[in-house]
């Protein structure tokens, strides 16, 4: 099995399975940065770590994974330019989601297709996923159970039982105090 390469800074950052592909991304790129790893898993983990660290330093107008939203004057309607974010094909996009929304990941076959999604499409895709999830649940008659909800209910019922026991002990304590008072008077004890 050959080496795998992580391109940190280059034309298209990502994980590459061949030196020729890696070289293509770093050749002629000022300030390029890359590293080789013996296995794909190590390369993927390193790239995920790098993207995670980089995303913590990114400003408001950047997407997690390090690409910036750009304006495309050619696609504007009227005078208002449309904001878009460069993205990969669906396979790479799904792979990117598993790696903390990093869209700069090269797909398993080394392919890299650039597409453009409007800035609001991320929310639209989330809504569509939620709608599809609801449909699948209704078709299968399944239910997503929030275990935290049931855990809280169990704790509340335990708490109610403990509160009732506490009240019983307080009442018993008061009864015993009165009984001690009566016995002290009876035997004339201070």
C-alpha atoms as a PDB file:
ATOM      1  CA  UNK A   1       0.000   0.000   0.000  1.00  0.00           C
ATOM      2  CA  UNK A   2       1.432   3.412  -0.987  1.00  0.00           C
ATOM      3  CA  UNK A   3       1.726   6.622   0.923  1.00  0.00           C
ATOM      4  CA  UNK A   4      -1.088   9.113   1.291  1.00  0.00           C
ATOM      5  CA  UNK A   5      -0.502  12.839   1.250  1.00  0.00           C
ATOM      6  CA  UNK A   6      -2.181  15.653   3.166  1.00  0.00           C
ATOM      7  CA  UNK A   7      -2.058  19.030   1.441  1.00  0.00           C
ATOM      8  CA  UNK A   8      -2.485  21.705   4.111  1.00  0.00           C
ATOM      9  CA  UNK A   9      -1.819  24.707   1.907  1.00  0.00           C
ATOM     10  CA  UNK A  10      -2.046  24.343  -1.848  1.00  0.00           C
ATOM     11  CA  UNK A  11      -4.363  24.817  -4.811  1.00  0.00           C
ATOM     12  CA  UNK A  12      -6.901  22.379  -3.293  1.00  0.00           C
ATOM     13  CA  UNK A  13      -6.214  21.232   0.309  1.00  0.00           C
ATOM     14  CA  UNK A  14      -7.178  17.637   1.029  1.00  0.00           C
ATOM     15  CA  UNK A  15      -6.005  14.026   1.190  1.00  0.00           C
ATOM     16  CA  UNK A  16      -4.392  12.505  -1.909  1.00  0.00           C
ATOM     17  CA  UNK A  17      -3.557   8.863  -2.622  1.00  0.00           C
ATOM     18  CA  UNK A  18      -0.856   9.550  -5.242  1.00  0.00           C
ATOM     19  CA  UNK A  19       2.233  11.736  -5.197  1.00  0.00           C
ATOM     20  CA  UNK A  20       1.392  13.000  -8.697  1.00  0.00           C
ATOM     21  CA  UNK A  21      -1.963  14.330  -7.453  1.00  0.00           C
ATOM     22  CA  UNK A  22      -0.341  15.921  -4.406  1.00  0.00           C
ATOM     23  CA  UNK A  23       2.407  17.488  -6.528  1.00  0.00           C
ATOM     24  CA  UNK A  24      -0.222  18.966  -8.837  1.00  0.00           C
ATOM     25  CA  UNK A  25      -1.791  20.747  -5.835  1.00  0.00           C
ATOM     26  CA  UNK A  26       1.444  22.152  -4.366  1.00  0.00           C
ATOM     27  CA  UNK A  27       3.506  22.836  -7.513  1.00  0.00           C
ATOM     28  CA  UNK A  28       3.666  26.567  -8.160  1.00  0.00           C
ATOM     29  CA  UNK A  29       1.726  27.419  -4.986  1.00  0.00           C
ATOM     30  CA  UNK A  30       3.596  29.965  -2.874  1.00  0.00           C
ATOM     31  CA  UNK A  31       3.698  28.871   0.773  1.00  0.00           C
ATOM     32  CA  UNK A  32       2.525  25.326   0.069  1.00  0.00           C
ATOM     33  CA  UNK A  33       2.505  22.818   2.908  1.00  0.00           C
ATOM     34  CA  UNK A  34       2.047  19.040   2.737  1.00  0.00           C
ATOM     35  CA  UNK A  35       3.035  15.826   4.513  1.00  0.00           C
ATOM     36  CA  UNK A  36       3.023  12.084   3.715  1.00  0.00           C
ATOM     37  CA  UNK A  37       1.478   9.325   5.847  1.00  0.00           C
ATOM     38  CA  UNK A  38       1.794   5.535   5.573  1.00  0.00           C
ATOM     39  CA  UNK A  39      -1.978   4.869   5.719  1.00  0.00           C
ATOM     40  CA  UNK A  40      -5.122   6.601   4.501  1.00  0.00           C
ATOM     41  CA  UNK A  41      -6.600   6.491   8.018  1.00  0.00           C
ATOM     42  CA  UNK A  42      -3.647   8.429   9.438  1.00  0.00           C
ATOM     43  CA  UNK A  43      -3.842  10.962   6.620  1.00  0.00           C
ATOM     44  CA  UNK A  44      -7.601  11.412   7.110  1.00  0.00           C
ATOM     45  CA  UNK A  45      -7.174  11.838  10.871  1.00  0.00           C
ATOM     46  CA  UNK A  46      -4.396  14.391  10.393  1.00  0.00           C
ATOM     47  CA  UNK A  47      -6.384  16.374   7.849  1.00  0.00           C
ATOM     48  CA  UNK A  48      -9.436  16.327  10.136  1.00  0.00           C
ATOM     49  CA  UNK A  49      -7.263  17.585  13.008  1.00  0.00           C
ATOM     50  CA  UNK A  50      -5.827  20.325  10.814  1.00  0.00           C
ATOM     51  CA  UNK A  51      -9.247  21.465   9.596  1.00  0.00           C
ATOM     52  CA  UNK A  52     -10.584  21.408  13.146  1.00  0.00           C
ATOM     53  CA  UNK A  53      -7.713  23.600  14.358  1.00  0.00           C
ATOM     54  CA  UNK A  54      -8.023  25.923  11.385  1.00  0.00           C
ATOM     55  CA  UNK A  55     -11.796  26.282  11.780  1.00  0.00           C
ATOM     56  CA  UNK A  56     -11.346  27.584  15.339  1.00  0.00           C
ATOM     57  CA  UNK A  57      -9.427  30.571  13.923  1.00  0.00           C
ATOM     58  CA  UNK A  58     -11.871  31.401  11.136  1.00  0.00           C
ATOM     59  CA  UNK A  59     -13.980  34.551  11.164  1.00  0.00           C
ATOM     60  CA  UNK A  60     -17.721  34.972  10.817  1.00  0.00           C
ATOM     61  CA  UNK A  61     -17.785  34.999   7.000  1.00  0.00           C
ATOM     62  CA  UNK A  62     -15.962  31.676   6.718  1.00  0.00           C
ATOM     63  CA  UNK A  63     -17.349  28.193   6.672  1.00  0.00           C
ATOM     64  CA  UNK A  64     -16.000  25.458   8.941  1.00  0.00           C
ATOM     65  CA  UNK A  65     -13.264  23.914   6.860  1.00  0.00           C
ATOM     66  CA  UNK A  66     -11.726  27.170   5.821  1.00  0.00           C
ATOM     67  CA  UNK A  67     -13.296  28.356   2.596  1.00  0.00           C
ATOM     68  CA  UNK A  68     -14.680  31.842   2.281  1.00  0.00           C
ATOM     69  CA  UNK A  69     -18.017  32.864   0.845  1.00  0.00           C
ATOM     70  CA  UNK A  70     -17.515  34.677  -2.441  1.00  0.00           C
ATOM     71  CA  UNK A  71     -19.641  36.919  -4.595  1.00  0.00           C
ATOM     72  CA  UNK A  72     -20.471  35.867  -8.126  1.00  0.00           C
ATOM     73  CA  UNK A  73     -21.415  38.975 -10.130  1.00  0.00           C
ATOM     74  CA  UNK A  74     -22.240  36.809 -13.167  1.00  0.00           C
ATOM     75  CA  UNK A  75     -25.080  35.061 -11.368  1.00  0.00           C
ATOM     76  CA  UNK A  76     -26.654  38.151  -9.869  1.00  0.00           C
ATOM     77  CA  UNK A  77     -30.281  38.994 -10.423  1.00  0.00           C
ATOM     78  CA  UNK A  78     -30.660  42.722 -10.828  1.00  0.00           C
ATOM     79  CA  UNK A  79     -27.883  44.572  -9.032  1.00  0.00           C
ATOM     80  CA  UNK A  80     -27.501  42.246  -6.042  1.00  0.00           C
ATOM     81  CA  UNK A  81     -24.677  39.655  -6.341  1.00  0.00           C
ATOM     82  CA  UNK A  82     -25.421  36.123  -5.136  1.00  0.00           C
ATOM     83  CA  UNK A  83     -23.247  34.736  -2.331  1.00  0.00           C
ATOM     84  CA  UNK A  84     -22.019  31.207  -2.836  1.00  0.00           C
ATOM     85  CA  UNK A  85     -19.599  28.758  -1.293  1.00  0.00           C
ATOM     86  CA  UNK A  86     -17.407  26.405  -3.327  1.00  0.00           C
ATOM     87  CA  UNK A  87     -18.356  22.796  -2.532  1.00  0.00           C
ATOM     88  CA  UNK A  88     -17.539  19.298  -3.713  1.00  0.00           C
ATOM     89  CA  UNK A  89     -19.710  16.697  -5.364  1.00  0.00           C
ATOM     90  CA  UNK A  90     -22.247  14.841  -3.207  1.00  0.00           C
ATOM     91  CA  UNK A  91     -19.840  12.017  -2.312  1.00  0.00           C
ATOM     92  CA  UNK A  92     -17.195  14.462  -1.129  1.00  0.00           C
ATOM     93  CA  UNK A  93     -19.832  16.595   0.557  1.00  0.00           C
ATOM     94  CA  UNK A  94     -21.095  13.613   2.578  1.00  0.00           C
ATOM     95  CA  UNK A  95     -17.529  12.667   3.445  1.00  0.00           C
ATOM     96  CA  UNK A  96     -16.963  16.269   4.495  1.00  0.00           C
ATOM     97  CA  UNK A  97     -19.977  16.208   6.796  1.00  0.00           C
ATOM     98  CA  UNK A  98     -18.466  13.293   8.676  1.00  0.00           C
ATOM     99  CA  UNK A  99     -15.265  15.291   9.073  1.00  0.00           C
ATOM    100  CA  UNK A 100     -16.756  18.316  10.869  1.00  0.00           C
ATOM    101  CA  UNK A 101     -18.359  19.865   7.773  1.00  0.00           C
ATOM    102  CA  UNK A 102     -15.014  20.162   5.995  1.00  0.00           C
ATOM    103  CA  UNK A 103     -15.782  20.447   2.309  1.00  0.00           C
ATOM    104  CA  UNK A 104     -12.112  20.480   1.314  1.00  0.00           C
ATOM    105  CA  UNK A 105     -11.875  16.682   1.453  1.00  0.00           C
ATOM    106  CA  UNK A 106     -11.021  14.698  -1.644  1.00  0.00           C
ATOM    107  CA  UNK A 107     -13.442  11.829  -2.279  1.00  0.00           C
ATOM    108  CA  UNK A 108     -12.462   8.164  -1.767  1.00  0.00           C
ATOM    109  CA  UNK A 109     -11.619   7.753  -5.456  1.00  0.00           C
ATOM    110  CA  UNK A 110      -9.528  10.936  -5.480  1.00  0.00           C
ATOM    111  CA  UNK A 111     -12.147  12.870  -7.444  1.00  0.00           C
ATOM    112  CA  UNK A 112     -12.826  16.499  -6.751  1.00  0.00           C
ATOM    113  CA  UNK A 113     -15.704  18.313  -8.409  1.00  0.00           C
ATOM    114  CA  UNK A 114     -16.355  21.925  -7.530  1.00  0.00           C
ATOM    115  CA  UNK A 115     -19.951  23.015  -7.311  1.00  0.00           C
ATOM    116  CA  UNK A 116     -21.631  26.059  -5.860  1.00  0.00           C
ATOM    117  CA  UNK A 117     -24.349  26.171  -3.249  1.00  0.00           C
ATOM    118  CA  UNK A 118     -26.066  29.350  -2.190  1.00  0.00           C
ATOM    119  CA  UNK A 119     -25.255  30.375   1.374  1.00  0.00           C
ATOM    120  CA  UNK A 120     -28.814  29.562   2.484  1.00  0.00           C
ATOM    121  CA  UNK A 121     -28.758  26.084   0.929  1.00  0.00           C
ATOM    122  CA  UNK A 122     -27.124  24.614   4.030  1.00  0.00           C
ATOM    123  CA  UNK A 123     -30.223  25.478   6.074  1.00  0.00           C
ATOM    124  CA  UNK A 124     -32.466  24.273   3.248  1.00  0.00           C
ATOM    125  CA  UNK A 125     -30.631  20.932   3.184  1.00  0.00           C
ATOM    126  CA  UNK A 126     -31.040  20.647   6.966  1.00  0.00           C
ATOM    127  CA  UNK A 127     -34.781  21.317   6.625  1.00  0.00           C
ATOM    128  CA  UNK A 128     -35.059  18.791   3.790  1.00  0.00           C
ATOM    129  CA  UNK A 129     -33.207  16.192   5.879  1.00  0.00           C
ATOM    130  CA  UNK A 130     -35.587  16.785   8.790  1.00  0.00           C
ATOM    131  CA  UNK A 131     -38.630  16.464   6.509  1.00  0.00           C
ATOM    132  CA  UNK A 132     -37.240  13.219   5.047  1.00  0.00           C
ATOM    133  CA  UNK A 133     -36.507  11.875   8.530  1.00  0.00           C
ATOM    134  CA  UNK A 134     -40.096  12.588   9.593  1.00  0.00           C
ATOM    135  CA  UNK A 135     -41.414  10.795   6.482  1.00  0.00           C
ATOM    136  CA  UNK A 136     -39.215   7.750   7.057  1.00  0.00           C
ATOM    137  CA  UNK A 137     -40.337   7.594  10.681  1.00  0.00           C
ATOM    138  CA  UNK A 138     -44.000   7.805   9.653  1.00  0.00           C
ATOM    139  CA  UNK A 139     -43.559   5.090   6.985  1.00  0.00           C
ATOM    140  CA  UNK A 140     -41.817   2.732   9.391  1.00  0.00           C
ATOM    141  CA  UNK A 141     -44.022   3.579  12.385  1.00  0.00           C
ATOM    142  CA  UNK A 142     -40.851   4.169  14.378  1.00  0.00           C
ATOM    143  CA  UNK A 143     -40.221   6.826  16.958  1.00  0.00           C
ATOM    144  CA  UNK A 144     -37.045   8.621  17.959  1.00  0.00           C
ATOM    145  CA  UNK A 145     -36.800   8.413  21.709  1.00  0.00           C
ATOM    146  CA  UNK A 146     -35.106  11.156  23.654  1.00  0.00           C
ATOM    147  CA  UNK A 147     -33.447   9.135  26.377  1.00  0.00           C
ATOM    148  CA  UNK A 148     -32.650  12.310  28.303  1.00  0.00           C
ATOM    149  CA  UNK A 149     -36.398  12.949  28.612  1.00  0.00           C
ATOM    150  CA  UNK A 150     -36.999   9.505  30.111  1.00  0.00           C
ATOM    151  CA  UNK A 151     -33.959   9.827  32.362  1.00  0.00           C
ATOM    152  CA  UNK A 152     -35.309  13.095  33.735  1.00  0.00           C
ATOM    153  CA  UNK A 153     -38.738  11.524  34.275  1.00  0.00           C
ATOM    154  CA  UNK A 154     -37.133   8.649  36.223  1.00  0.00           C
ATOM    155  CA  UNK A 155     -35.143  11.081  38.348  1.00  0.00           C
ATOM    156  CA  UNK A 156     -38.256  13.172  38.995  1.00  0.00           C
ATOM    157  CA  UNK A 157     -40.215  10.112  40.168  1.00  0.00           C
ATOM    158  CA  UNK A 158     -37.303   9.071  42.424  1.00  0.00           C
ATOM    159  CA  UNK A 159     -37.134  12.630  43.738  1.00  0.00           C
ATOM    160  CA  UNK A 160     -40.882  12.625  44.480  1.00  0.00           C
ATOM    161  CA  UNK A 161     -40.524   9.373  46.442  1.00  0.00           C
ATOM    162  CA  UNK A 162     -37.561  10.792  48.379  1.00  0.00           C
ATOM    163  CA  UNK A 163     -39.466  14.002  49.133  1.00  0.00           C
ATOM    164  CA  UNK A 164     -42.403  11.960  50.481  1.00  0.00           C
ATOM    165  CA  UNK A 165     -40.014   9.890  52.635  1.00  0.00           C
ATOM    166  CA  UNK A 166     -38.376  13.106  53.873  1.00  0.00           C
ATOM    167  CA  UNK A 167     -41.772  14.510  54.919  1.00  0.00           C
ATOM    168  CA  UNK A 168     -42.544  11.252  56.746  1.00  0.00           C
ATOM    169  CA  UNK A 169     -39.224  11.494  58.604  1.00  0.00           C
ATOM    170  CA  UNK A 170     -39.871  15.127  59.563  1.00  0.00           C
ATOM    171  CA  UNK A 171     -43.308  14.202  60.932  1.00  0.00           C
ATOM    172  CA  UNK A 172     -41.804  11.233  62.816  1.00  0.00           C
ATOM    173  CA  UNK A 173     -39.050  13.480  64.198  1.00  0.00           C
ATOM    174  CA  UNK A 174     -41.610  16.005  65.491  1.00  0.00           C
ATOM    175  CA  UNK A 175     -43.642  13.182  67.086  1.00  0.00           C
ATOM    176  CA  UNK A 176     -40.530  11.833  68.825  1.00  0.00           C
ATOM    177  CA  UNK A 177     -39.589  15.317  70.090  1.00  0.00           C
ATOM    178  CA  UNK A 178     -43.054  15.697  71.627  1.00  0.00           C
ATOM    179  CA  UNK A 179     -42.802  12.242  73.186  1.00  0.00           C
ATOM    180  CA  UNK A 180     -39.386  13.090  74.677  1.00  0.00           C
ATOM    181  CA  UNK A 181     -40.845  16.309  76.156  1.00  0.00           C
ATOM    182  CA  UNK A 182     -43.681  14.351  77.727  1.00  0.00           C
ATOM    183  CA  UNK A 183     -41.265  11.777  79.174  1.00  0.00           C
ATOM    184  CA  UNK A 184     -38.992  14.512  80.599  1.00  0.00           C
ATOM    185  CA  UNK A 185     -41.956  16.135  82.331  1.00  0.00           C
ATOM    186  CA  UNK A 186     -43.188  12.803  83.581  1.00  0.00           C
ATOM    187  CA  UNK A 187     -39.817  11.861  85.082  1.00  0.00           C
ATOM    188  CA  UNK A 188     -38.925  15.479  85.942  1.00  0.00           C
ATOM    189  CA  UNK A 189     -35.749  15.483  83.795  1.00  0.00           C
ATOM    190  CA  UNK A 190     -34.270  18.729  82.534  1.00  0.00           C
END
